[in-house]
C-alpha atoms as a PDB file:
ATOM      1  CA  GLN A   1     -53.364  21.595  25.360  1.00  0.00           C
ATOM      2  CA  ALA A   2     -54.325  19.824  22.087  1.00  0.00           C
ATOM      3  CA  SER A   3     -57.239  18.061  23.805  1.00  0.00           C
ATOM      4  CA  THR A   4     -58.771  21.370  24.914  1.00  0.00           C
ATOM      5  CA  GLU A   5     -58.431  22.849  21.489  1.00  0.00           C
ATOM      6  CA  LEU A   6     -60.105  19.913  19.790  1.00  0.00           C
ATOM      7  CA  GLY A   7     -62.775  19.719  22.482  1.00  0.00           C
ATOM      8  CA  SER A   8     -63.587  23.442  22.062  1.00  0.00           C
ATOM      9  CA  ILE A   9     -64.241  22.906  18.298  1.00  0.00           C
ATOM     10  CA  GLN A  10     -66.576  19.963  19.094  1.00  0.00           C
ATOM     11  CA  GLN A  11     -68.553  22.219  21.541  1.00  0.00           C
ATOM     12  CA  HIS A  12     -68.687  25.349  19.353  1.00  0.00           C
ATOM     13  CA  ARG A  13     -69.975  23.387  16.187  1.00  0.00           C
ATOM     14  CA  LEU A  14     -73.070  22.147  18.078  1.00  0.00           C
ATOM     15  CA  THR A  15     -74.855  25.456  18.122  1.00  0.00           C
ATOM     16  CA  LEU A  16     -73.116  27.362  15.393  1.00  0.00           C
ATOM     17  CA  GLU A  17     -76.153  27.386  13.127  1.00  0.00           C
ATOM     18  CA  GLU A  18     -78.077  29.274  16.019  1.00  0.00           C
ATOM     19  CA  ALA A  19     -75.839  32.345  15.787  1.00  0.00           C
ATOM     20  CA  PRO A  20     -78.006  35.489  16.147  1.00  0.00           C
ATOM     21  CA  SER A  21     -76.032  37.280  13.478  1.00  0.00           C
ATOM     22  CA  ASP A  22     -73.658  36.552  10.540  1.00  0.00           C
ATOM     23  CA  GLN A  23     -70.998  38.450  12.514  1.00  0.00           C
ATOM     24  CA  MET A  24     -71.367  36.073  15.417  1.00  0.00           C
ATOM     25  CA  LYS A  25     -71.370  33.055  13.179  1.00  0.00           C
ATOM     26  CA  MET A  26     -68.114  34.216  11.368  1.00  0.00           C
ATOM     27  CA  ALA A  27     -66.379  34.977  14.579  1.00  0.00           C
ATOM     28  CA  THR A  28     -67.236  31.400  15.921  1.00  0.00           C
ATOM     29  CA  LEU A  29     -65.952  29.884  12.648  1.00  0.00           C
ATOM     30  CA  ARG A  30     -62.741  31.815  13.042  1.00  0.00           C
ATOM     31  CA  ILE A  31     -62.438  30.809  16.643  1.00  0.00           C
ATOM     32  CA  MET A  32     -62.972  27.197  15.501  1.00  0.00           C
ATOM     33  CA  ALA A  33     -60.301  27.520  12.739  1.00  0.00           C
ATOM     34  CA  GLU A  34     -57.821  29.060  15.317  1.00  0.00           C
ATOM     35  CA  GLU A  35     -58.458  26.287  17.828  1.00  0.00           C
ATOM     36  CA  LEU A  36     -57.708  23.604  15.071  1.00  0.00           C
ATOM     37  CA  ARG A  37     -54.522  25.561  14.257  1.00  0.00           C
ATOM     38  CA  HIS A  38     -53.517  25.608  17.972  1.00  0.00           C
ATOM     39  CA  ALA A  39     -54.058  21.732  18.194  1.00  0.00           C
ATOM     40  CA  TYR A  40     -51.984  21.220  15.017  1.00  0.00           C
ATOM     41  CA  GLN A  41     -49.187  23.542  16.568  1.00  0.00           C
ATOM     42  CA  MET A  42     -49.126  21.145  19.439  1.00  0.00           C
ATOM     43  CA  PHE A  43     -48.861  18.224  17.071  1.00  0.00           C
ATOM     44  CA  TRP A  44     -45.991  19.971  15.237  1.00  0.00           C
ATOM     45  CA  VAL A  45     -44.152  20.266  18.620  1.00  0.00           C
ATOM     46  CA  LEU A  46     -44.784  16.541  19.321  1.00  0.00           C
ATOM     47  CA  SER A  47     -43.785  15.323  15.863  1.00  0.00           C
ATOM     48  CA  HIS A  48     -40.577  17.405  15.506  1.00  0.00           C
ATOM     49  CA  ASP A  49     -39.060  16.182  18.828  1.00  0.00           C
ATOM     50  CA  HIS A  50     -36.837  13.345  17.773  1.00  0.00           C
ATOM     51  CA  SER A  51     -36.205  12.374  21.387  1.00  0.00           C
ATOM     52  CA  TRP A  52     -39.674  10.623  21.321  1.00  0.00           C
ATOM     53  CA  LYS A  53     -38.515   8.250  18.633  1.00  0.00           C
ATOM     54  CA  LYS A  54     -36.065   5.589  19.574  1.00  0.00           C
ATOM     55  CA  PRO A  55     -35.415   2.258  17.701  1.00  0.00           C
ATOM     56  CA  GLY A  56     -37.361  -0.573  19.067  1.00  0.00           C
ATOM     57  CA  HIS A  57     -39.934   1.644  20.885  1.00  0.00           C
ATOM     58  CA  PRO A  58     -43.170   2.775  19.886  1.00  0.00           C
ATOM     59  CA  ASP A  59     -43.685   6.299  18.373  1.00  0.00           C
ATOM     60  CA  ILE A  60     -45.131   8.052  21.359  1.00  0.00           C
ATOM     61  CA  ALA A  61     -45.862  11.219  19.437  1.00  0.00           C
ATOM     62  CA  VAL A  62     -47.745   9.495  16.732  1.00  0.00           C
ATOM     63  CA  GLU A  63     -49.702   7.502  19.329  1.00  0.00           C
ATOM     64  CA  THR A  64     -50.512  10.611  21.214  1.00  0.00           C
ATOM     65  CA  MET A  65     -51.702  12.471  18.201  1.00  0.00           C
ATOM     66  CA  ASP A  66     -53.944   9.522  17.174  1.00  0.00           C
ATOM     67  CA  GLU A  67     -55.339   9.332  20.639  1.00  0.00           C
ATOM     68  CA  LEU A  68     -56.122  13.047  20.625  1.00  0.00           C
ATOM     69  CA  LEU A  69     -57.689  12.992  17.212  1.00  0.00           C
ATOM     70  CA  SER A  70     -59.934  10.165  18.275  1.00  0.00           C
ATOM     71  CA  MET A  71     -61.292  11.855  21.361  1.00  0.00           C
ATOM     72  CA  GLU A  72     -64.999  12.682  21.491  1.00  0.00           C
ATOM     73  CA  MET A  73     -66.851  14.937  23.785  1.00  0.00           C
ATOM     74  CA  GLY A  74     -66.705  13.254  27.276  1.00  0.00           C
ATOM     75  CA  ASN A  75     -63.240  12.117  26.931  1.00  0.00           C
ATOM     76  CA  HIS A  76     -61.145  15.341  27.015  1.00  0.00           C
ATOM     77  CA  VAL A  77     -58.723  16.006  29.730  1.00  0.00           C
ATOM     78  CA  LEU A  78     -60.525  18.904  31.196  1.00  0.00           C
ATOM     79  CA  ASP A  79     -64.236  18.956  32.362  1.00  0.00           C
ATOM     80  CA  ALA A  80     -65.108  22.178  30.706  1.00  0.00           C
ATOM     81  CA  PHE A  81     -64.363  20.700  27.317  1.00  0.00           C
ATOM     82  CA  ASN A  82     -66.757  17.799  27.769  1.00  0.00           C
ATOM     83  CA  ILE A  83     -69.922  19.816  28.191  1.00  0.00           C
ATOM     84  CA  PRO A  84     -72.180  20.026  25.180  1.00  0.00           C
ATOM     85  CA  PHE A  85     -73.354  23.644  24.379  1.00  0.00           C
ATOM     86  CA  SER A  86     -77.214  23.827  24.655  1.00  0.00           C
ATOM     87  CA  ASN A  87     -77.583  27.041  22.756  1.00  0.00           C
ATOM     88  CA  PHE A  88     -75.551  29.766  21.160  1.00  0.00           C
ATOM     89  CA  LEU A  89     -75.199  31.605  24.400  1.00  0.00           C
ATOM     90  CA  ASP A  90     -72.901  28.905  25.622  1.00  0.00           C
ATOM     91  CA  ASN A  91     -70.638  29.835  22.713  1.00  0.00           C
ATOM     92  CA  VAL A  92     -70.482  33.412  23.727  1.00  0.00           C
ATOM     93  CA  VAL A  93     -70.016  32.852  27.432  1.00  0.00           C
ATOM     94  CA  PHE A  94     -67.500  30.118  26.762  1.00  0.00           C
ATOM     95  CA  ALA A  95     -65.363  32.512  24.655  1.00  0.00           C
ATOM     96  CA  ALA A  96     -65.667  35.277  27.302  1.00  0.00           C
ATOM     97  CA  VAL A  97     -64.829  32.966  30.418  1.00  0.00           C
ATOM     98  CA  ILE A  98     -63.053  29.758  29.493  1.00  0.00           C
ATOM     99  CA  ASP A  99     -60.871  31.454  26.831  1.00  0.00           C
ATOM    100  CA  LEU A 100     -59.813  33.940  29.386  1.00  0.00           C
ATOM    101  CA  VAL A 101     -58.545  31.079  31.571  1.00  0.00           C
ATOM    102  CA  GLY A 102     -56.803  29.630  28.599  1.00  0.00           C
ATOM    103  CA  LYS A 103     -55.028  32.859  28.009  1.00  0.00           C
ATOM    104  CA  TYR A 104     -53.582  32.754  31.538  1.00  0.00           C
ATOM    105  CA  GLN A 105     -52.471  29.166  30.987  1.00  0.00           C
ATOM    106  CA  LEU A 106     -50.755  30.106  27.776  1.00  0.00           C
ATOM    107  CA  GLU A 107     -48.995  33.029  29.471  1.00  0.00           C
ATOM    108  CA  MET A 108     -47.626  30.556  31.986  1.00  0.00           C
ATOM    109  CA  GLN A 109     -46.531  28.195  29.258  1.00  0.00           C
ATOM    110  CA  LYS A 110     -44.428  30.954  27.597  1.00  0.00           C
ATOM    111  CA  VAL A 111     -41.891  30.183  30.293  1.00  0.00           C
ATOM    112  CA  PHE A 112     -42.213  26.439  29.952  1.00  0.00           C
ATOM    113  CA  SER A 113     -39.056  24.507  30.580  1.00  0.00           C
ATOM    114  CA  TYR A 114     -39.670  22.553  27.433  1.00  0.00           C
ATOM    115  CA  ALA A 115     -38.453  25.253  24.798  1.00  0.00           C
ATOM    116  CA  PRO A 116     -40.514  24.066  21.681  1.00  0.00           C
ATOM    117  CA  MET A 117     -43.683  24.348  23.774  1.00  0.00           C
ATOM    118  CA  ALA A 118     -42.728  27.750  25.097  1.00  0.00           C
ATOM    119  CA  ARG A 119     -41.829  29.156  21.718  1.00  0.00           C
ATOM    120  CA  SER A 120     -45.321  28.035  20.382  1.00  0.00           C
ATOM    121  CA  MET A 121     -47.287  30.149  22.749  1.00  0.00           C
ATOM    122  CA  GLY A 122     -46.961  33.561  21.083  1.00  0.00           C
ATOM    123  CA  PRO A 123     -49.262  33.111  18.158  1.00  0.00           C
ATOM    124  CA  MET A 124     -51.746  31.355  20.194  1.00  0.00           C
ATOM    125  CA  LEU A 125     -51.876  34.261  22.700  1.00  0.00           C
ATOM    126  CA  SER A 126     -52.686  36.784  20.095  1.00  0.00           C
ATOM    127  CA  GLU A 127     -55.638  34.596  18.653  1.00  0.00           C
ATOM    128  CA  GLU A 128     -56.895  33.966  22.140  1.00  0.00           C
ATOM    129  CA  GLY A 129     -57.307  37.718  22.549  1.00  0.00           C
ATOM    130  CA  PHE A 130     -59.636  37.622  19.562  1.00  0.00           C
ATOM    131  CA  HIS A 131     -61.680  34.684  21.142  1.00  0.00           C
ATOM    132  CA  ILE A 132     -62.051  36.613  24.486  1.00  0.00           C
ATOM    133  CA  GLY A 133     -62.889  39.875  22.756  1.00  0.00           C
ATOM    134  CA  SER A 134     -65.508  38.308  20.679  1.00  0.00           C
ATOM    135  CA  GLY A 135     -67.042  36.597  23.572  1.00  0.00           C
ATOM    136  CA  ARG A 136     -67.208  39.863  25.764  1.00  0.00           C
ATOM    137  CA  GLY A 137     -68.513  41.944  22.788  1.00  0.00           C
ATOM    138  CA  PHE A 138     -71.166  39.497  21.872  1.00  0.00           C
ATOM    139  CA  LEU A 139     -72.077  39.019  25.571  1.00  0.00           C
ATOM    140  CA  ARG A 140     -72.470  42.796  25.990  1.00  0.00           C
ATOM    141  CA  GLU A 141     -74.562  42.998  22.614  1.00  0.00           C
ATOM    142  CA  LEU A 142     -76.832  40.025  23.722  1.00  0.00           C
ATOM    143  CA  ALA A 143     -77.314  41.576  27.232  1.00  0.00           C
ATOM    144  CA  VAL A 144     -78.294  45.029  25.865  1.00  0.00           C
ATOM    145  CA  SER A 145     -80.635  43.351  23.375  1.00  0.00           C
ATOM    146  CA  SER A 146     -82.282  41.236  26.225  1.00  0.00           C
ATOM    147  CA  MET A 147     -83.947  44.453  27.328  1.00  0.00           C
ATOM    148  CA  THR A 148     -85.896  44.735  24.100  1.00  0.00           C
ATOM    149  CA  ASP A 149     -89.109  42.928  23.057  1.00  0.00           C
ATOM    150  CA  GLY A 150     -88.427  39.774  21.062  1.00  0.00           C
ATOM    151  CA  ALA A 151     -84.851  39.297  22.302  1.00  0.00           C
ATOM    152  CA  ARG A 152     -83.495  35.752  21.778  1.00  0.00           C
ATOM    153  CA  TYR A 153     -82.064  35.715  25.281  1.00  0.00           C
ATOM    154  CA  SER A 154     -83.235  37.208  28.555  1.00  0.00           C
ATOM    155  CA  ILE A 155     -80.987  38.619  31.261  1.00  0.00           C
ATOM    156  CA  ASN A 156     -81.868  35.559  33.364  1.00  0.00           C
ATOM    157  CA  ASP A 157     -80.705  33.261  30.489  1.00  0.00           C
ATOM    158  CA  ILE A 158     -77.411  35.084  30.468  1.00  0.00           C
ATOM    159  CA  GLN A 159     -77.015  34.844  34.209  1.00  0.00           C
ATOM    160  CA  ARG A 160     -77.811  31.195  34.266  1.00  0.00           C
ATOM    161  CA  THR A 161     -75.116  30.584  31.553  1.00  0.00           C
ATOM    162  CA  LEU A 162     -72.518  32.628  33.330  1.00  0.00           C
ATOM    163  CA  ASN A 163     -73.385  30.666  36.488  1.00  0.00           C
ATOM    164  CA  ALA A 164     -72.802  27.343  34.659  1.00  0.00           C
ATOM    165  CA  TRP A 165     -69.336  28.460  33.077  1.00  0.00           C
ATOM    166  CA  ILE A 166     -67.621  30.606  35.718  1.00  0.00           C
ATOM    167  CA  PRO A 167     -67.093  27.766  38.089  1.00  0.00           C
ATOM    168  CA  ARG A 168     -65.581  25.643  35.351  1.00  0.00           C
ATOM    169  CA  GLY A 169     -63.212  28.478  34.482  1.00  0.00           C
END
């Protein structure tokens, strides 16, 4: 879980400065901040489980957190979080498609047999709704503007980007 959150931040920051509007840039910054909070929420779950700490054994939680924090793009657990964004359209489609998949995974984890993990899902789910809504709304905005002269992205660009991300979702 934490690997995907940290990987998402690494991806979003690649094209953040290309945002077509301040609203899109601010939404992306909020998404990145919430992804960081999600990762640290998972770190809290790891670090507050004393069953991971036994005398004479390594602290598995600390080792796991250190490993996660040192991951770079290309080393994350899931393929979708190892792909660099090539333009801001990747930010938008990722939020609309990949975060939707993430929502389904978080919903499944609400009934996780490990109670601390299950209890941590509620706040993440509400924030995930913002990510998905931003992605869908901005995608619609960019699709409508693609029909005007001087649009940043064409409808073919949008379709190509959807074709790249939907299979990964």
